[in-house]
Amino acid sequence: MPWHLTPGRHQPTSLREALLFEKWSRTLRVCLMADFYARVAGRGSRSESVLR
Protein backbone atom coordinates (compact mmCIF):
# COMPACT_ATOMS: atom_id res chain seq x y z
CA MET A 1 0.00 0.00 0.00
CA PRO A 2 1.47 3.38 -1.00
CA TRP A 3 2.50 5.58 1.90
CA HIS A 4 -0.03 8.31 1.07
CA LEU A 5 -2.88 5.82 1.39
CA THR A 6 -1.88 4.82 4.92
CA PRO A 7 -3.36 7.34 7.40
CA GLY A 8 -1.17 8.38 10.31
CA ARG A 9 1.88 6.52 9.06
CA HIS A 10 3.34 9.43 7.15
CA GLN A 11 2.56 13.11 7.34
CA PRO A 12 3.30 15.24 4.26
CA THR A 13 6.69 16.83 4.85
CA SER A 14 6.55 19.28 1.98
CA LEU A 15 4.04 21.48 0.20
CA ARG A 16 4.51 19.42 -2.95
CA GLU A 17 3.52 16.20 -1.17
CA ALA A 18 0.52 17.89 0.45
CA LEU A 19 -0.68 19.26 -2.89
CA LEU A 20 -0.12 15.92 -4.60
CA PHE A 21 -2.18 14.14 -1.96
CA GLU A 22 -4.93 16.76 -2.14
CA LYS A 23 -5.08 16.49 -5.92
CA TRP A 24 -5.17 12.68 -5.76
CA SER A 25 -7.91 12.56 -3.12
CA ARG A 26 -10.02 15.14 -4.94
CA THR A 27 -9.67 13.24 -8.22
CA LEU A 28 -10.71 10.00 -6.54
CA ARG A 29 -13.71 11.70 -4.94
CA VAL A 30 -14.84 13.14 -8.30
CA CYS A 31 -14.48 9.74 -9.97
CA LEU A 32 -16.52 8.04 -7.25
CA MET A 33 -19.26 10.66 -7.42
CA ALA A 34 -19.37 10.48 -11.23
CA ASP A 35 -19.65 6.70 -11.06
CA PHE A 36 -22.41 6.94 -8.46
CA TYR A 37 -24.45 9.43 -10.48
CA ALA A 38 -23.94 7.39 -13.65
CA ARG A 39 -25.37 4.32 -11.90
CA VAL A 40 -28.35 6.26 -10.52
CA ALA A 41 -29.07 7.93 -13.87
CA GLY A 42 -28.62 4.60 -15.66
CA ARG A 43 -31.61 3.16 -13.84
CA GLY A 44 -33.98 5.61 -15.50
CA SER A 45 -32.17 6.11 -18.81
CA ARG A 46 -30.19 3.58 -20.82
CA SER A 47 -28.33 6.33 -22.68
CA GLU A 48 -26.25 7.10 -19.59
CA SER A 49 -24.77 3.59 -19.48
CA VAL A 50 -23.08 4.16 -22.83
CA LEU A 51 -20.58 6.35 -20.99
CA ARG A 52 -19.36 3.42 -18.88
PDB file of N, CA and C in Angstrom:
ATOM      1  N   MET A   1       0.842  -1.199   0.000  1.00  0.00           N
ATOM      2  CA  MET A   1       0.000   0.000   0.000  1.00  0.00           C
ATOM      3  C   MET A   1       0.879   1.251   0.000  1.00  0.00           C
ATOM      4  N   PRO A   2       0.653   2.158  -0.945  1.00  0.00           N
ATOM      5  CA  PRO A   2       1.471   3.382  -0.997  1.00  0.00           C
ATOM      6  C   PRO A   2       1.379   4.170   0.301  1.00  0.00           C
ATOM      7  N   TRP A   3       2.442   4.866   0.625  1.00  0.00           N
ATOM      8  CA  TRP A   3       2.503   5.580   1.898  1.00  0.00           C
ATOM      9  C   TRP A   3       1.378   6.592   2.043  1.00  0.00           C
ATOM     10  N   HIS A   4       0.981   7.256   0.951  1.00  0.00           N
ATOM     11  CA  HIS A   4      -0.026   8.310   1.074  1.00  0.00           C
ATOM     12  C   HIS A   4      -1.429   7.751   1.263  1.00  0.00           C
ATOM     13  N   LEU A   5      -1.579   6.418   1.152  1.00  0.00           N
ATOM     14  CA  LEU A   5      -2.885   5.815   1.390  1.00  0.00           C
ATOM     15  C   LEU A   5      -2.996   5.265   2.807  1.00  0.00           C
ATOM     16  N   THR A   6      -1.888   5.350   3.558  1.00  0.00           N
ATOM     17  CA  THR A   6      -1.885   4.823   4.918  1.00  0.00           C
ATOM     18  C   THR A   6      -1.991   5.971   5.909  1.00  0.00           C
ATOM     19  N   PRO A   7      -3.171   6.205   6.481  1.00  0.00           N
ATOM     20  CA  PRO A   7      -3.360   7.335   7.400  1.00  0.00           C
ATOM     21  C   PRO A   7      -2.515   7.217   8.658  1.00  0.00           C
ATOM     22  N   GLY A   8      -1.914   8.336   9.065  1.00  0.00           N
ATOM     23  CA  GLY A   8      -1.167   8.377  10.311  1.00  0.00           C
ATOM     24  C   GLY A   8       0.249   7.856  10.208  1.00  0.00           C
ATOM     25  N   ARG A   9       0.548   7.097   9.160  1.00  0.00           N
ATOM     26  CA  ARG A   9       1.884   6.518   9.057  1.00  0.00           C
ATOM     27  C   ARG A   9       2.896   7.537   8.548  1.00  0.00           C
ATOM     28  N   HIS A  10       2.424   8.438   7.706  1.00  0.00           N
ATOM     29  CA  HIS A  10       3.338   9.432   7.149  1.00  0.00           C
ATOM     30  C   HIS A  10       2.605  10.748   6.951  1.00  0.00           C
ATOM     31  N   GLN A  11       3.140  11.788   7.544  1.00  0.00           N
ATOM     32  CA  GLN A  11       2.565  13.113   7.340  1.00  0.00           C
ATOM     33  C   GLN A  11       3.316  13.800   6.203  1.00  0.00           C
ATOM     34  N   PRO A  12       2.610  14.524   5.338  1.00  0.00           N
ATOM     35  CA  PRO A  12       3.298  15.240   4.257  1.00  0.00           C
ATOM     36  C   PRO A  12       4.367  16.169   4.819  1.00  0.00           C
ATOM     37  N   THR A  13       5.583  16.047   4.313  1.00  0.00           N
ATOM     38  CA  THR A  13       6.692  16.828   4.846  1.00  0.00           C
ATOM     39  C   THR A  13       6.988  18.040   3.980  1.00  0.00           C
ATOM     40  N   SER A  14       6.315  18.144   2.850  1.00  0.00           N
ATOM     41  CA  SER A  14       6.553  19.282   1.977  1.00  0.00           C
ATOM     42  C   SER A  14       5.248  19.727   1.337  1.00  0.00           C
ATOM     43  N   LEU A  15       5.236  20.945   0.845  1.00  0.00           N
ATOM     44  CA  LEU A  15       4.044  21.480   0.202  1.00  0.00           C
ATOM     45  C   LEU A  15       3.700  20.668  -1.037  1.00  0.00           C
ATOM     46  N   ARG A  16       4.736  20.191  -1.734  1.00  0.00           N
ATOM     47  CA  ARG A  16       4.511  19.416  -2.947  1.00  0.00           C
ATOM     48  C   ARG A  16       3.780  18.113  -2.634  1.00  0.00           C
ATOM     49  N   GLU A  17       4.182  17.446  -1.555  1.00  0.00           N
ATOM     50  CA  GLU A  17       3.518  16.201  -1.167  1.00  0.00           C
ATOM     51  C   GLU A  17       2.078  16.464  -0.750  1.00  0.00           C
ATOM     52  N   ALA A  18       1.869  17.552  -0.008  1.00  0.00           N
ATOM     53  CA  ALA A  18       0.520  17.891   0.446  1.00  0.00           C
ATOM     54  C   ALA A  18      -0.391  18.187  -0.742  1.00  0.00           C
ATOM     55  N   LEU A  19       0.120  18.932  -1.711  1.00  0.00           N
ATOM     56  CA  LEU A  19      -0.675  19.263  -2.892  1.00  0.00           C
ATOM     57  C   LEU A  19      -0.949  18.030  -3.730  1.00  0.00           C
ATOM     58  N   LEU A  20       0.042  17.148  -3.829  1.00  0.00           N
ATOM     59  CA  LEU A  20      -0.123  15.922  -4.604  1.00  0.00           C
ATOM     60  C   LEU A  20      -1.201  15.049  -3.981  1.00  0.00           C
ATOM     61  N   PHE A  21      -1.176  14.933  -2.662  1.00  0.00           N
ATOM     62  CA  PHE A  21      -2.178  14.137  -1.962  1.00  0.00           C
ATOM     63  C   PHE A  21      -3.566  14.749  -2.120  1.00  0.00           C
ATOM     64  N   GLU A  22      -3.645  16.074  -2.008  1.00  0.00           N
ATOM     65  CA  GLU A  22      -4.929  16.765  -2.136  1.00  0.00           C
ATOM     66  C   GLU A  22      -5.501  16.568  -3.538  1.00  0.00           C
ATOM     67  N   LYS A  23      -4.636  16.671  -4.539  1.00  0.00           N
ATOM     68  CA  LYS A  23      -5.078  16.489  -5.923  1.00  0.00           C
ATOM     69  C   LYS A  23      -5.558  15.056  -6.140  1.00  0.00           C
ATOM     70  N   TRP A  24      -4.818  14.087  -5.596  1.00  0.00           N
ATOM     71  CA  TRP A  24      -5.175  12.678  -5.760  1.00  0.00           C
ATOM     72  C   TRP A  24      -6.503  12.369  -5.086  1.00  0.00           C
ATOM     73  N   SER A  25      -6.683  12.850  -3.856  1.00  0.00           N
ATOM     74  CA  SER A  25      -7.912  12.559  -3.116  1.00  0.00           C
ATOM     75  C   SER A  25      -9.116  13.226  -3.766  1.00  0.00           C
ATOM     76  N   ARG A  26      -8.915  14.439  -4.285  1.00  0.00           N
ATOM     77  CA  ARG A  26     -10.019  15.138  -4.939  1.00  0.00           C
ATOM     78  C   ARG A  26     -10.402  14.429  -6.232  1.00  0.00           C
ATOM     79  N   THR A  27      -9.402  13.961  -6.976  1.00  0.00           N
ATOM     80  CA  THR A  27      -9.669  13.241  -8.223  1.00  0.00           C
ATOM     81  C   THR A  27     -10.439  11.961  -7.944  1.00  0.00           C
ATOM     82  N   LEU A  28     -10.024  11.245  -6.895  1.00  0.00           N
ATOM     83  CA  LEU A  28     -10.705  10.001  -6.538  1.00  0.00           C
ATOM     84  C   LEU A  28     -12.159  10.276  -6.161  1.00  0.00           C
ATOM     85  N   ARG A  29     -12.366  11.348  -5.388  1.00  0.00           N
ATOM     86  CA  ARG A  29     -13.711  11.703  -4.945  1.00  0.00           C
ATOM     87  C   ARG A  29     -14.600  12.029  -6.142  1.00  0.00           C
ATOM     88  N   VAL A  30     -14.074  12.782  -7.099  1.00  0.00           N
ATOM     89  CA  VAL A  30     -14.839  13.138  -8.297  1.00  0.00           C
ATOM     90  C   VAL A  30     -15.185  11.895  -9.099  1.00  0.00           C
ATOM     91  N   CYS A  31     -14.231  10.975  -9.224  1.00  0.00           N
ATOM     92  CA  CYS A  31     -14.477   9.738  -9.973  1.00  0.00           C
ATOM     93  C   CYS A  31     -15.558   8.907  -9.299  1.00  0.00           C
ATOM     94  N   LEU A  32     -15.518   8.816  -7.978  1.00  0.00           N
ATOM     95  CA  LEU A  32     -16.516   8.042  -7.248  1.00  0.00           C
ATOM     96  C   LEU A  32     -17.902   8.662  -7.389  1.00  0.00           C
ATOM     97  N   MET A  33     -17.975   9.984  -7.300  1.00  0.00           N
ATOM     98  CA  MET A  33     -19.263  10.655  -7.424  1.00  0.00           C
ATOM     99  C   MET A  33     -19.808  10.515  -8.836  1.00  0.00           C
ATOM    100  N   ALA A  34     -18.941  10.625  -9.838  1.00  0.00           N
ATOM    101  CA  ALA A  34     -19.373  10.481 -11.227  1.00  0.00           C
ATOM    102  C   ALA A  34     -19.904   9.075 -11.474  1.00  0.00           C
ATOM    103  N   ASP A  35     -19.220   8.085 -10.909  1.00  0.00           N
ATOM    104  CA  ASP A  35     -19.652   6.698 -11.063  1.00  0.00           C
ATOM    105  C   ASP A  35     -21.004   6.490 -10.381  1.00  0.00           C
ATOM    106  N   PHE A  36     -21.155   7.068  -9.198  1.00  0.00           N
ATOM    107  CA  PHE A  36     -22.409   6.941  -8.456  1.00  0.00           C
ATOM    108  C   PHE A  36     -23.575   7.553  -9.231  1.00  0.00           C
ATOM    109  N   TYR A  37     -23.379   8.772  -9.739  1.00  0.00           N
ATOM    110  CA  TYR A  37     -24.448   9.432 -10.480  1.00  0.00           C
ATOM    111  C   TYR A  37     -24.751   8.715 -11.789  1.00  0.00           C
ATOM    112  N   ALA A  38     -23.725   8.141 -12.412  1.00  0.00           N
ATOM    113  CA  ALA A  38     -23.938   7.393 -13.655  1.00  0.00           C
ATOM    114  C   ALA A  38     -24.802   6.165 -13.386  1.00  0.00           C
ATOM    115  N   ARG A  39     -24.571   5.507 -12.252  1.00  0.00           N
ATOM    116  CA  ARG A  39     -25.369   4.325 -11.901  1.00  0.00           C
ATOM    117  C   ARG A  39     -26.817   4.717 -11.621  1.00  0.00           C
ATOM    118  N   VAL A  40     -27.005   5.801 -10.868  1.00  0.00           N
ATOM    119  CA  VAL A  40     -28.354   6.255 -10.525  1.00  0.00           C
ATOM    120  C   VAL A  40     -29.104   6.678 -11.786  1.00  0.00           C
ATOM    121  N   ALA A  41     -28.435   7.453 -12.639  1.00  0.00           N
ATOM    122  CA  ALA A  41     -29.072   7.927 -13.868  1.00  0.00           C
ATOM    123  C   ALA A  41     -29.344   6.762 -14.814  1.00  0.00           C
ATOM    124  N   GLY A  42     -28.473   5.749 -14.775  1.00  0.00           N
ATOM    125  CA  GLY A  42     -28.619   4.601 -15.659  1.00  0.00           C
ATOM    126  C   GLY A  42     -29.872   3.795 -15.384  1.00  0.00           C
ATOM    127  N   ARG A  43     -30.400   3.910 -14.175  1.00  0.00           N
ATOM    128  CA  ARG A  43     -31.611   3.159 -13.840  1.00  0.00           C
ATOM    129  C   ARG A  43     -32.821   3.700 -14.594  1.00  0.00           C
ATOM    130  N   GLY A  44     -32.829   5.021 -14.829  1.00  0.00           N
ATOM    131  CA  GLY A  44     -33.977   5.609 -15.501  1.00  0.00           C
ATOM    132  C   GLY A  44     -33.747   5.824 -16.988  1.00  0.00           C
ATOM    133  N   SER A  45     -32.484   5.842 -17.410  1.00  0.00           N
ATOM    134  CA  SER A  45     -32.171   6.111 -18.811  1.00  0.00           C
ATOM    135  C   SER A  45     -31.022   5.233 -19.270  1.00  0.00           C
ATOM    136  N   ARG A  46     -31.231   4.475 -20.317  1.00  0.00           N
ATOM    137  CA  ARG A  46     -30.191   3.579 -20.818  1.00  0.00           C
ATOM    138  C   ARG A  46     -29.078   4.345 -21.516  1.00  0.00           C
ATOM    139  N   SER A  47     -29.336   5.555 -21.951  1.00  0.00           N
ATOM    140  CA  SER A  47     -28.334   6.329 -22.679  1.00  0.00           C
ATOM    141  C   SER A  47     -27.131   6.662 -21.801  1.00  0.00           C
ATOM    142  N   GLU A  48     -27.346   6.767 -20.493  1.00  0.00           N
ATOM    143  CA  GLU A  48     -26.252   7.098 -19.586  1.00  0.00           C
ATOM    144  C   GLU A  48     -25.244   5.956 -19.476  1.00  0.00           C
ATOM    145  N   SER A  49     -25.698   4.715 -19.638  1.00  0.00           N
ATOM    146  CA  SER A  49     -24.774   3.593 -19.481  1.00  0.00           C
ATOM    147  C   SER A  49     -23.785   3.473 -20.628  1.00  0.00           C
ATOM    148  N   VAL A  50     -24.013   4.186 -21.708  1.00  0.00           N
ATOM    149  CA  VAL A  50     -23.075   4.162 -22.835  1.00  0.00           C
ATOM    150  C   VAL A  50     -21.742   4.777 -22.416  1.00  0.00           C
ATOM    151  N   LEU A  51     -21.785   5.680 -21.449  1.00  0.00           N
ATOM    152  CA  LEU A  51     -20.576   6.353 -20.989  1.00  0.00           C
ATOM    153  C   LEU A  51     -19.658   5.423 -20.216  1.00  0.00           C
ATOM    154  N   ARG A  52     -20.165   4.303 -19.701  1.00  0.00           N
ATOM    155  CA  ARG A  52     -19.361   3.418 -18.880  1.00  0.00           C
ATOM    156  C   ARG A  52     -18.606   2.391 -19.695  1.00  0.00           C
TER     157      ARG A  52
END
